[in-house]
Amino acid sequence: MDQDKIYLLRLNCKDQIGIVSKISTLLANKNCNIIESKQFTDQDTSGFFIRQSFQVPNGLSIKIINKEFESLSKILNAKYEIRHTHKTLKTLILVSKFDHCLIELINKTKNKSLNLSIEAIISNHNKLKKISSVENLPFYYFPINNDKINQEKRIIKIIDEKKIDIIILARYMQILSRNFVDQFYGKIINIHHSFLPSFKGAKPYHQAYERGVKIIGATAHFVNQNLDEGPIIEQDVEKVDHELSPGDLVAIGKDIEARVLYKAIKNFSEGRVFLNEKKTIVFKGDKIL
């Protein structure tokens, strides 16, 4: 199978009769072969979501397919995207002092488990500069100095200059401004060191310890205007007990955080994640290792 000829369709709209038929007919009329197709209708929101990969025949330009879907999207009042299945996402990683999630993302990108191009690492501290230098990745130290607005303007300039597709908060311990979140909503993914909605905010492992919980976890979610309340993409947990100290919980939690963030970014980068009002639709692919 010619991988260069395989493209991904992502489409969502209000549910209505004949959506799948219209899409399949359009592709069949252009001699495109559907390779994978997953769809879901949310009965609560009446939202319809579909992810399809299809192969384009030799001699047919993807621009023609795109034009056909542009017309169909107007009929369905749908949002859609067509891209190559192996599109590399230009990525910005925001960090503070913790390195475990950053290292996981770098390693997974290096071994091709993540189809990312890490264009920049930005931090409000200088602690992780050495990791970036060793990996030959651009590092920017943007301290806040009681002026978050101008600090974020510097971040936005990097985003615009490098045409960033995804912004990852890999334990970036700052609250983003309303303006920043509004401008890039749906492109910002955060890892929170708790199984949300429990233990929001600072020191969640210490909160968990004080409550004597029997499981701890981590949550990857889109960032919205409400602290740690954005639509959830991925979560995982580990069992714990009374013998473990807050420090033990933090150590266990770091492994969970790195694992959960990787899974979330993996699914997002493969076009498997759709926003659905306050929730997400995540079409699972092959088992993520």
C-alpha atoms as a PDB file:
ATOM      1  CA  MET A   1       0.000   0.000   0.000  1.00  0.00           C
ATOM      2  CA  ASP A   2       1.370   3.394  -1.025  1.00  0.00           C
ATOM      3  CA  GLN A   3       1.497   5.333   2.257  1.00  0.00           C
ATOM      4  CA  ASP A   4       1.998   8.607   0.384  1.00  0.00           C
ATOM      5  CA  LYS A   5      -1.497   8.245  -1.072  1.00  0.00           C
ATOM      6  CA  ILE A   6      -3.330   7.731   2.234  1.00  0.00           C
ATOM      7  CA  TYR A   7      -5.206  10.653   3.738  1.00  0.00           C
ATOM      8  CA  LEU A   8      -7.284  11.276   6.838  1.00  0.00           C
ATOM      9  CA  LEU A   9     -10.766  12.793   6.941  1.00  0.00           C
ATOM     10  CA  ARG A  10     -12.113  14.292  10.173  1.00  0.00           C
ATOM     11  CA  LEU A  11     -15.650  15.616  10.069  1.00  0.00           C
ATOM     12  CA  ASN A  12     -18.259  16.596  12.613  1.00  0.00           C
ATOM     13  CA  CYS A  13     -21.714  18.158  12.413  1.00  0.00           C
ATOM     14  CA  LYS A  14     -25.212  17.777  13.794  1.00  0.00           C
ATOM     15  CA  ASP A  15     -26.531  14.270  13.230  1.00  0.00           C
ATOM     16  CA  GLN A  16     -28.727  13.890  10.167  1.00  0.00           C
ATOM     17  CA  ILE A  17     -29.793  11.204   7.727  1.00  0.00           C
ATOM     18  CA  GLY A  18     -27.347  10.149   5.040  1.00  0.00           C
ATOM     19  CA  ILE A  19     -24.029  11.555   6.271  1.00  0.00           C
ATOM     20  CA  VAL A  20     -22.046   8.333   5.894  1.00  0.00           C
ATOM     21  CA  SER A  21     -23.716   7.599   2.575  1.00  0.00           C
ATOM     22  CA  LYS A  22     -22.796  11.023   1.183  1.00  0.00           C
ATOM     23  CA  ILE A  23     -19.184  10.688   2.303  1.00  0.00           C
ATOM     24  CA  SER A  24     -18.818   7.134   0.962  1.00  0.00           C
ATOM     25  CA  THR A  25     -20.431   8.054  -2.343  1.00  0.00           C
ATOM     26  CA  LEU A  26     -18.162  11.053  -2.775  1.00  0.00           C
ATOM     27  CA  LEU A  27     -15.047   8.959  -2.213  1.00  0.00           C
ATOM     28  CA  ALA A  28     -16.291   6.061  -4.348  1.00  0.00           C
ATOM     29  CA  ASN A  29     -17.042   8.400  -7.246  1.00  0.00           C
ATOM     30  CA  LYS A  30     -13.401   9.474  -7.149  1.00  0.00           C
ATOM     31  CA  ASN A  31     -12.181   5.855  -6.944  1.00  0.00           C
ATOM     32  CA  CYS A  32     -10.853   6.377  -3.419  1.00  0.00           C
ATOM     33  CA  ASN A  33     -10.621   3.298  -1.214  1.00  0.00           C
ATOM     34  CA  ILE A  34     -11.739   3.647   2.417  1.00  0.00           C
ATOM     35  CA  ILE A  35      -9.207   1.893   4.658  1.00  0.00           C
ATOM     36  CA  GLU A  36     -10.512   2.635   8.151  1.00  0.00           C
ATOM     37  CA  SER A  37     -13.706   4.277   9.346  1.00  0.00           C
ATOM     38  CA  LYS A  38     -14.987   5.078  12.834  1.00  0.00           C
ATOM     39  CA  GLN A  39     -18.019   7.154  13.689  1.00  0.00           C
ATOM     40  CA  PHE A  40     -20.052   8.136  16.720  1.00  0.00           C
ATOM     41  CA  THR A  41     -23.296   9.972  17.386  1.00  0.00           C
ATOM     42  CA  ASP A  42     -23.739  11.603  20.792  1.00  0.00           C
ATOM     43  CA  GLN A  43     -27.386  11.203  21.722  1.00  0.00           C
ATOM     44  CA  ASP A  44     -27.138  14.021  24.278  1.00  0.00           C
ATOM     45  CA  THR A  45     -25.664  16.695  22.014  1.00  0.00           C
ATOM     46  CA  SER A  46     -26.878  15.277  18.657  1.00  0.00           C
ATOM     47  CA  GLY A  47     -23.319  15.620  17.448  1.00  0.00           C
ATOM     48  CA  PHE A  48     -21.993  13.330  14.721  1.00  0.00           C
ATOM     49  CA  PHE A  49     -18.271  12.563  14.466  1.00  0.00           C
ATOM     50  CA  ILE A  50     -16.387  10.543  11.864  1.00  0.00           C
ATOM     51  CA  ARG A  51     -12.741   9.698  11.245  1.00  0.00           C
ATOM     52  CA  GLN A  52     -11.834   7.947   7.997  1.00  0.00           C
ATOM     53  CA  SER A  53      -8.588   7.090   6.290  1.00  0.00           C
ATOM     54  CA  PHE A  54      -8.719   6.601   2.534  1.00  0.00           C
ATOM     55  CA  GLN A  55      -6.363   5.953  -0.354  1.00  0.00           C
ATOM     56  CA  VAL A  56      -6.315   8.283  -3.348  1.00  0.00           C
ATOM     57  CA  PRO A  57      -5.786   6.666  -6.781  1.00  0.00           C
ATOM     58  CA  ASN A  58      -2.765   7.568  -8.892  1.00  0.00           C
ATOM     59  CA  GLY A  59      -3.265  10.701 -10.918  1.00  0.00           C
ATOM     60  CA  LEU A  60      -5.900  12.246  -8.643  1.00  0.00           C
ATOM     61  CA  SER A  61      -4.954  15.386  -6.752  1.00  0.00           C
ATOM     62  CA  ILE A  62      -6.020  15.644  -3.116  1.00  0.00           C
ATOM     63  CA  LYS A  63      -7.032  19.236  -3.927  1.00  0.00           C
ATOM     64  CA  ILE A  64      -9.919  17.858  -5.969  1.00  0.00           C
ATOM     65  CA  ILE A  65     -11.103  15.736  -3.032  1.00  0.00           C
ATOM     66  CA  ASN A  66     -10.768  18.732  -0.728  1.00  0.00           C
ATOM     67  CA  LYS A  67     -12.913  20.840  -3.033  1.00  0.00           C
ATOM     68  CA  GLU A  68     -15.598  18.146  -3.111  1.00  0.00           C
ATOM     69  CA  PHE A  69     -15.657  17.994   0.696  1.00  0.00           C
ATOM     70  CA  GLU A  70     -15.805  21.750   0.906  1.00  0.00           C
ATOM     71  CA  SER A  71     -19.065  21.628  -1.030  1.00  0.00           C
ATOM     72  CA  LEU A  72     -20.375  18.708   1.041  1.00  0.00           C
ATOM     73  CA  SER A  73     -19.516  20.452   4.301  1.00  0.00           C
ATOM     74  CA  LYS A  74     -21.753  23.363   3.303  1.00  0.00           C
ATOM     75  CA  ILE A  75     -24.646  20.974   2.682  1.00  0.00           C
ATOM     76  CA  LEU A  76     -24.100  19.239   6.035  1.00  0.00           C
ATOM     77  CA  ASN A  77     -23.136  22.426   7.891  1.00  0.00           C
ATOM     78  CA  ALA A  78     -20.069  20.497   9.008  1.00  0.00           C
ATOM     79  CA  LYS A  79     -16.530  21.188  10.104  1.00  0.00           C
ATOM     80  CA  TYR A  80     -13.994  19.019   8.344  1.00  0.00           C
ATOM     81  CA  GLU A  81     -10.293  18.505   7.847  1.00  0.00           C
ATOM     82  CA  ILE A  82      -8.358  16.450   5.309  1.00  0.00           C
ATOM     83  CA  ARG A  83      -4.687  15.834   5.919  1.00  0.00           C
ATOM     84  CA  HIS A  84      -2.029  13.279   5.212  1.00  0.00           C
ATOM     85  CA  THR A  85      -2.130  10.423   7.719  1.00  0.00           C
ATOM     86  CA  HIS A  86       1.548  10.971   8.489  1.00  0.00           C
ATOM     87  CA  LYS A  87       1.386  14.731   8.888  1.00  0.00           C
ATOM     88  CA  THR A  88       3.994  15.916  11.366  1.00  0.00           C
ATOM     89  CA  LEU A  89       2.592  18.335  13.941  1.00  0.00           C
ATOM     90  CA  LYS A  90       4.722  21.360  14.725  1.00  0.00           C
ATOM     91  CA  THR A  91       4.907  21.313  18.497  1.00  0.00           C
ATOM     92  CA  LEU A  92       5.615  23.778  21.286  1.00  0.00           C
ATOM     93  CA  ILE A  93       6.282  22.385  24.761  1.00  0.00           C
ATOM     94  CA  LEU A  94       5.841  24.606  27.811  1.00  0.00           C
ATOM     95  CA  VAL A  95       7.633  23.472  30.981  1.00  0.00           C
ATOM     96  CA  SER A  96       8.619  24.786  34.393  1.00  0.00           C
ATOM     97  CA  LYS A  97      10.979  22.735  36.608  1.00  0.00           C
ATOM     98  CA  PHE A  98       9.868  19.090  36.241  1.00  0.00           C
ATOM     99  CA  ASP A  99      11.524  17.125  33.429  1.00  0.00           C
ATOM    100  CA  HIS A 100       9.805  13.707  33.353  1.00  0.00           C
ATOM    101  CA  CYS A 101       7.040  14.568  30.877  1.00  0.00           C
ATOM    102  CA  LEU A 102       9.419  16.546  28.673  1.00  0.00           C
ATOM    103  CA  ILE A 103      11.872  13.643  28.513  1.00  0.00           C
ATOM    104  CA  GLU A 104       9.052  11.216  27.649  1.00  0.00           C
ATOM    105  CA  LEU A 105       7.850  13.412  24.782  1.00  0.00           C
ATOM    106  CA  ILE A 106      11.374  13.867  23.433  1.00  0.00           C
ATOM    107  CA  ASN A 107      12.115  10.127  23.562  1.00  0.00           C
ATOM    108  CA  LYS A 108       8.809   9.129  21.972  1.00  0.00           C
ATOM    109  CA  THR A 109       9.391  11.655  19.199  1.00  0.00           C
ATOM    110  CA  LYS A 110      12.940  10.424  18.601  1.00  0.00           C
ATOM    111  CA  ASN A 111      11.849   6.790  18.277  1.00  0.00           C
ATOM    112  CA  LYS A 112       8.974   7.762  15.927  1.00  0.00           C
ATOM    113  CA  SER A 113       6.227   6.777  18.364  1.00  0.00           C
ATOM    114  CA  LEU A 114       4.971  10.349  18.107  1.00  0.00           C
ATOM    115  CA  ASN A 115       4.763  12.140  14.776  1.00  0.00           C
ATOM    116  CA  LEU A 116       5.825  15.503  16.175  1.00  0.00           C
ATOM    117  CA  SER A 117       8.375  18.103  15.276  1.00  0.00           C
ATOM    118  CA  ILE A 118       9.408  19.824  18.495  1.00  0.00           C
ATOM    119  CA  GLU A 119       9.934  23.364  17.250  1.00  0.00           C
ATOM    120  CA  ALA A 120      10.558  24.978  20.630  1.00  0.00           C
ATOM    121  CA  ILE A 121      10.674  24.410  24.374  1.00  0.00           C
ATOM    122  CA  ILE A 122       9.704  27.438  26.461  1.00  0.00           C
ATOM    123  CA  SER A 123      10.076  27.709  30.213  1.00  0.00           C
ATOM    124  CA  ASN A 124       9.580  30.290  32.929  1.00  0.00           C
ATOM    125  CA  HIS A 125      12.690  28.785  34.561  1.00  0.00           C
ATOM    126  CA  ASN A 126      16.153  27.964  33.221  1.00  0.00           C
ATOM    127  CA  LYS A 127      16.431  24.559  34.881  1.00  0.00           C
ATOM    128  CA  LEU A 128      15.646  22.397  31.824  1.00  0.00           C
ATOM    129  CA  LYS A 129      17.835  24.232  29.335  1.00  0.00           C
ATOM    130  CA  LYS A 130      20.511  21.519  29.535  1.00  0.00           C
ATOM    131  CA  ILE A 131      18.077  18.808  28.384  1.00  0.00           C
ATOM    132  CA  SER A 132      17.120  20.908  25.382  1.00  0.00           C
ATOM    133  CA  SER A 133      20.767  21.590  24.541  1.00  0.00           C
ATOM    134  CA  VAL A 134      21.685  17.888  24.694  1.00  0.00           C
ATOM    135  CA  GLU A 135      18.798  17.095  22.333  1.00  0.00           C
ATOM    136  CA  ASN A 136      19.632  20.081  20.094  1.00  0.00           C
ATOM    137  CA  LEU A 137      16.167  21.574  20.579  1.00  0.00           C
ATOM    138  CA  PRO A 138      15.503  25.340  20.666  1.00  0.00           C
ATOM    139  CA  PHE A 139      15.027  26.510  24.258  1.00  0.00           C
ATOM    140  CA  TYR A 140      13.590  29.857  25.288  1.00  0.00           C
ATOM    141  CA  TYR A 141      13.741  31.181  28.830  1.00  0.00           C
ATOM    142  CA  PHE A 142      10.803  33.549  29.292  1.00  0.00           C
ATOM    143  CA  PRO A 143      10.576  34.537  32.957  1.00  0.00           C
ATOM    144  CA  ILE A 144       7.328  36.083  34.109  1.00  0.00           C
ATOM    145  CA  ASN A 145       8.706  38.747  36.477  1.00  0.00           C
ATOM    146  CA  ASN A 146       5.215  39.847  37.511  1.00  0.00           C
ATOM    147  CA  ASP A 147       4.314  40.585  33.880  1.00  0.00           C
ATOM    148  CA  LYS A 148       2.468  37.564  32.526  1.00  0.00           C
ATOM    149  CA  ILE A 149       0.880  39.531  29.666  1.00  0.00           C
ATOM    150  CA  ASN A 150       4.205  40.392  28.037  1.00  0.00           C
ATOM    151  CA  GLN A 151       5.587  36.938  28.779  1.00  0.00           C
ATOM    152  CA  GLU A 152       2.654  35.377  26.919  1.00  0.00           C
ATOM    153  CA  LYS A 153       3.115  37.833  24.044  1.00  0.00           C
ATOM    154  CA  ARG A 154       6.622  36.438  23.618  1.00  0.00           C
ATOM    155  CA  ILE A 155       5.208  32.904  23.596  1.00  0.00           C
ATOM    156  CA  ILE A 156       2.563  33.855  21.016  1.00  0.00           C
ATOM    157  CA  LYS A 157       5.247  35.351  18.787  1.00  0.00           C
ATOM    158  CA  ILE A 158       7.054  31.981  18.761  1.00  0.00           C
ATOM    159  CA  ILE A 159       3.762  30.191  18.039  1.00  0.00           C
ATOM    160  CA  ASP A 160       3.061  32.453  15.063  1.00  0.00           C
ATOM    161  CA  GLU A 161       6.606  32.423  13.699  1.00  0.00           C
ATOM    162  CA  LYS A 162       6.912  28.643  13.832  1.00  0.00           C
ATOM    163  CA  LYS A 163       3.299  27.944  12.785  1.00  0.00           C
ATOM    164  CA  ILE A 164       2.706  25.710  15.804  1.00  0.00           C
ATOM    165  CA  ASP A 165      -0.016  23.024  15.530  1.00  0.00           C
ATOM    166  CA  ILE A 166      -0.100  21.873  19.165  1.00  0.00           C
ATOM    167  CA  ILE A 167       0.897  23.426  22.498  1.00  0.00           C
ATOM    168  CA  ILE A 168       1.758  20.919  25.232  1.00  0.00           C
ATOM    169  CA  LEU A 169       1.863  21.918  28.892  1.00  0.00           C
ATOM    170  CA  ALA A 170       4.312  19.316  30.197  1.00  0.00           C
ATOM    171  CA  ARG A 171       4.018  20.288  33.859  1.00  0.00           C
ATOM    172  CA  TYR A 172       3.975  24.014  33.087  1.00  0.00           C
ATOM    173  CA  MET A 173       3.036  25.358  36.489  1.00  0.00           C
ATOM    174  CA  GLN A 174       1.355  28.550  35.362  1.00  0.00           C
ATOM    175  CA  ILE A 175      -2.255  29.535  34.722  1.00  0.00           C
ATOM    176  CA  LEU A 176      -2.680  30.794  31.170  1.00  0.00           C
ATOM    177  CA  SER A 177      -4.553  34.027  30.563  1.00  0.00           C
ATOM    178  CA  ARG A 178      -8.081  34.120  29.163  1.00  0.00           C
ATOM    179  CA  ASN A 179      -6.787  35.766  25.996  1.00  0.00           C
ATOM    180  CA  PHE A 180      -4.188  33.036  25.418  1.00  0.00           C
ATOM    181  CA  VAL A 181      -6.665  30.197  26.007  1.00  0.00           C
ATOM    182  CA  ASP A 182      -9.312  31.755  23.764  1.00  0.00           C
ATOM    183  CA  GLN A 183      -6.797  32.264  20.964  1.00  0.00           C
ATOM    184  CA  PHE A 184      -5.548  28.677  20.955  1.00  0.00           C
ATOM    185  CA  TYR A 185      -8.433  26.668  22.409  1.00  0.00           C
ATOM    186  CA  GLY A 186      -8.440  23.114  21.097  1.00  0.00           C
ATOM    187  CA  LYS A 187      -4.665  23.209  20.535  1.00  0.00           C
ATOM    188  CA  ILE A 188      -3.499  23.361  24.169  1.00  0.00           C
ATOM    189  CA  ILE A 189      -3.153  20.069  26.070  1.00  0.00           C
ATOM    190  CA  ASN A 190      -2.210  19.960  29.755  1.00  0.00           C
ATOM    191  CA  ILE A 191      -1.164  17.125  32.043  1.00  0.00           C
ATOM    192  CA  HIS A 192      -2.603  17.448  35.527  1.00  0.00           C
ATOM    193  CA  HIS A 193      -1.123  15.322  38.294  1.00  0.00           C
ATOM    194  CA  SER A 194      -4.462  14.076  39.591  1.00  0.00           C
ATOM    195  CA  PHE A 195      -7.389  11.964  38.494  1.00  0.00           C
ATOM    196  CA  LEU A 196      -9.740  14.867  37.759  1.00  0.00           C
ATOM    197  CA  PRO A 197     -12.215  16.107  38.846  1.00  0.00           C
ATOM    198  CA  SER A 198     -10.672  15.264  42.242  1.00  0.00           C
ATOM    199  CA  PHE A 199      -7.808  17.319  43.701  1.00  0.00           C
ATOM    200  CA  LYS A 200      -7.567  20.309  41.402  1.00  0.00           C
ATOM    201  CA  GLY A 201      -4.930  22.997  41.731  1.00  0.00           C
ATOM    202  CA  ALA A 202      -1.612  22.786  43.569  1.00  0.00           C
ATOM    203  CA  LYS A 203      -0.105  19.775  45.385  1.00  0.00           C
ATOM    204  CA  PRO A 204      -2.799  17.221  44.475  1.00  0.00           C
ATOM    205  CA  TYR A 205      -0.677  14.300  45.731  1.00  0.00           C
ATOM    206  CA  HIS A 206      -0.510  15.905  49.148  1.00  0.00           C
ATOM    207  CA  GLN A 207      -4.275  16.436  49.013  1.00  0.00           C
ATOM    208  CA  ALA A 208      -4.676  12.754  48.095  1.00  0.00           C
ATOM    209  CA  TYR A 209      -2.390  11.698  50.963  1.00  0.00           C
ATOM    210  CA  GLU A 210      -4.382  13.735  53.465  1.00  0.00           C
ATOM    211  CA  ARG A 211      -7.584  12.061  52.288  1.00  0.00           C
ATOM    212  CA  GLY A 212      -6.043   8.584  52.448  1.00  0.00           C
ATOM    213  CA  VAL A 213      -6.982   7.679  48.868  1.00  0.00           C
ATOM    214  CA  LYS A 214      -6.370   4.162  47.555  1.00  0.00           C
ATOM    215  CA  ILE A 215      -5.686   5.206  43.975  1.00  0.00           C
ATOM    216  CA  ILE A 216      -3.842   8.131  42.443  1.00  0.00           C
ATOM    217  CA  GLY A 217      -3.853   9.149  38.826  1.00  0.00           C
ATOM    218  CA  ALA A 218      -3.186  11.728  36.146  1.00  0.00           C
ATOM    219  CA  THR A 219      -5.357  13.486  33.586  1.00  0.00           C
ATOM    220  CA  ALA A 220      -4.537  14.928  30.166  1.00  0.00           C
ATOM    221  CA  HIS A 221      -7.067  17.507  29.065  1.00  0.00           C
ATOM    222  CA  PHE A 222      -7.655  20.472  26.808  1.00  0.00           C
ATOM    223  CA  VAL A 223      -7.107  23.773  28.569  1.00  0.00           C
ATOM    224  CA  ASN A 224     -10.128  26.035  28.932  1.00  0.00           C
ATOM    225  CA  GLN A 225     -10.995  29.078  31.029  1.00  0.00           C
ATOM    226  CA  ASN A 226     -11.628  27.070  34.206  1.00  0.00           C
ATOM    227  CA  LEU A 227      -8.645  25.706  36.105  1.00  0.00           C
ATOM    228  CA  ASP A 228      -8.212  21.959  35.512  1.00  0.00           C
ATOM    229  CA  GLU A 229     -11.734  21.622  34.089  1.00  0.00           C
ATOM    230  CA  GLY A 230     -11.082  21.353  30.351  1.00  0.00           C
ATOM    231  CA  PRO A 231     -12.417  18.437  28.264  1.00  0.00           C
ATOM    232  CA  ILE A 232     -10.613  15.240  29.296  1.00  0.00           C
ATOM    233  CA  ILE A 233      -8.631  13.261  26.704  1.00  0.00           C
ATOM    234  CA  GLU A 234      -6.879  10.538  28.700  1.00  0.00           C
ATOM    235  CA  GLN A 235      -6.624   9.291  32.302  1.00  0.00           C
ATOM    236  CA  ASP A 236      -4.920   6.488  34.205  1.00  0.00           C
ATOM    237  CA  VAL A 237      -4.434   5.384  37.822  1.00  0.00           C
ATOM    238  CA  GLU A 238      -2.268   3.255  40.124  1.00  0.00           C
ATOM    239  CA  LYS A 239      -3.277   1.620  43.389  1.00  0.00           C
ATOM    240  CA  VAL A 240      -1.606   2.972  46.547  1.00  0.00           C
ATOM    241  CA  ASP A 241      -1.900   2.344  50.284  1.00  0.00           C
ATOM    242  CA  HIS A 242      -1.367   3.840  53.710  1.00  0.00           C
ATOM    243  CA  GLU A 243       2.320   2.945  53.836  1.00  0.00           C
ATOM    244  CA  LEU A 244       3.242   5.414  51.124  1.00  0.00           C
ATOM    245  CA  SER A 245       4.365   8.946  51.950  1.00  0.00           C
ATOM    246  CA  PRO A 246       3.499  12.056  49.897  1.00  0.00           C
ATOM    247  CA  GLY A 247       6.962  11.736  48.347  1.00  0.00           C
ATOM    248  CA  ASP A 248       6.217   8.149  47.314  1.00  0.00           C
ATOM    249  CA  LEU A 249       2.967   9.275  45.711  1.00  0.00           C
ATOM    250  CA  VAL A 250       4.791  11.994  43.788  1.00  0.00           C
ATOM    251  CA  ALA A 251       7.311   9.448  42.455  1.00  0.00           C
ATOM    252  CA  ILE A 252       4.587   7.032  41.354  1.00  0.00           C
ATOM    253  CA  GLY A 253       2.606   9.913  39.920  1.00  0.00           C
ATOM    254  CA  LYS A 254       5.444  11.032  37.667  1.00  0.00           C
ATOM    255  CA  ASP A 255       5.323   7.713  35.817  1.00  0.00           C
ATOM    256  CA  ILE A 256       1.553   7.971  35.419  1.00  0.00           C
ATOM    257  CA  GLU A 257       1.769  11.565  34.196  1.00  0.00           C
ATOM    258  CA  ALA A 258       4.326  10.770  31.505  1.00  0.00           C
ATOM    259  CA  ARG A 259       2.315   7.756  30.344  1.00  0.00           C
ATOM    260  CA  VAL A 260      -1.015   9.588  30.227  1.00  0.00           C
ATOM    261  CA  LEU A 261       0.363  12.644  28.437  1.00  0.00           C
ATOM    262  CA  TYR A 262       2.001  10.461  25.802  1.00  0.00           C
ATOM    263  CA  LYS A 263      -1.244   8.586  25.125  1.00  0.00           C
ATOM    264  CA  ALA A 264      -3.204  11.823  24.830  1.00  0.00           C
ATOM    265  CA  ILE A 265      -0.698  13.385  22.444  1.00  0.00           C
ATOM    266  CA  LYS A 266      -0.512  10.159  20.429  1.00  0.00           C
ATOM    267  CA  ASN A 267      -4.274  10.152  19.872  1.00  0.00           C
ATOM    268  CA  PHE A 268      -4.391  13.886  19.166  1.00  0.00           C
ATOM    269  CA  SER A 269      -1.538  13.705  16.655  1.00  0.00           C
ATOM    270  CA  GLU A 270      -3.330  10.906  14.796  1.00  0.00           C
ATOM    271  CA  GLY A 271      -6.517  12.947  14.521  1.00  0.00           C
ATOM    272  CA  ARG A 272      -8.456  10.709  16.882  1.00  0.00           C
ATOM    273  CA  VAL A 273      -9.624  13.427  19.297  1.00  0.00           C
ATOM    274  CA  PHE A 274     -12.708  15.586  18.741  1.00  0.00           C
ATOM    275  CA  LEU A 275     -14.052  18.291  21.012  1.00  0.00           C
ATOM    276  CA  ASN A 276     -17.679  17.639  21.933  1.00  0.00           C
ATOM    277  CA  GLU A 277     -18.817  20.605  24.014  1.00  0.00           C
ATOM    278  CA  LYS A 278     -17.551  19.876  27.568  1.00  0.00           C
ATOM    279  CA  LYS A 279     -16.363  16.383  26.596  1.00  0.00           C
ATOM    280  CA  THR A 280     -14.202  14.712  23.981  1.00  0.00           C
ATOM    281  CA  ILE A 281     -14.680  11.924  21.481  1.00  0.00           C
ATOM    282  CA  VAL A 282     -11.534   9.770  21.229  1.00  0.00           C
ATOM    283  CA  PHE A 283     -11.474   7.116  18.518  1.00  0.00           C
ATOM    284  CA  LYS A 284      -9.018   4.513  19.746  1.00  0.00           C
ATOM    285  CA  GLY A 285      -6.542   2.990  17.325  1.00  0.00           C
ATOM    286  CA  ASP A 286      -4.090   0.181  17.838  1.00  0.00           C
ATOM    287  CA  LYS A 287      -2.888  -0.448  21.384  1.00  0.00           C
ATOM    288  CA  ILE A 288      -0.574   2.357  22.470  1.00  0.00           C
ATOM    289  CA  LEU A 289       2.666   1.014  23.968  1.00  0.00           C
END
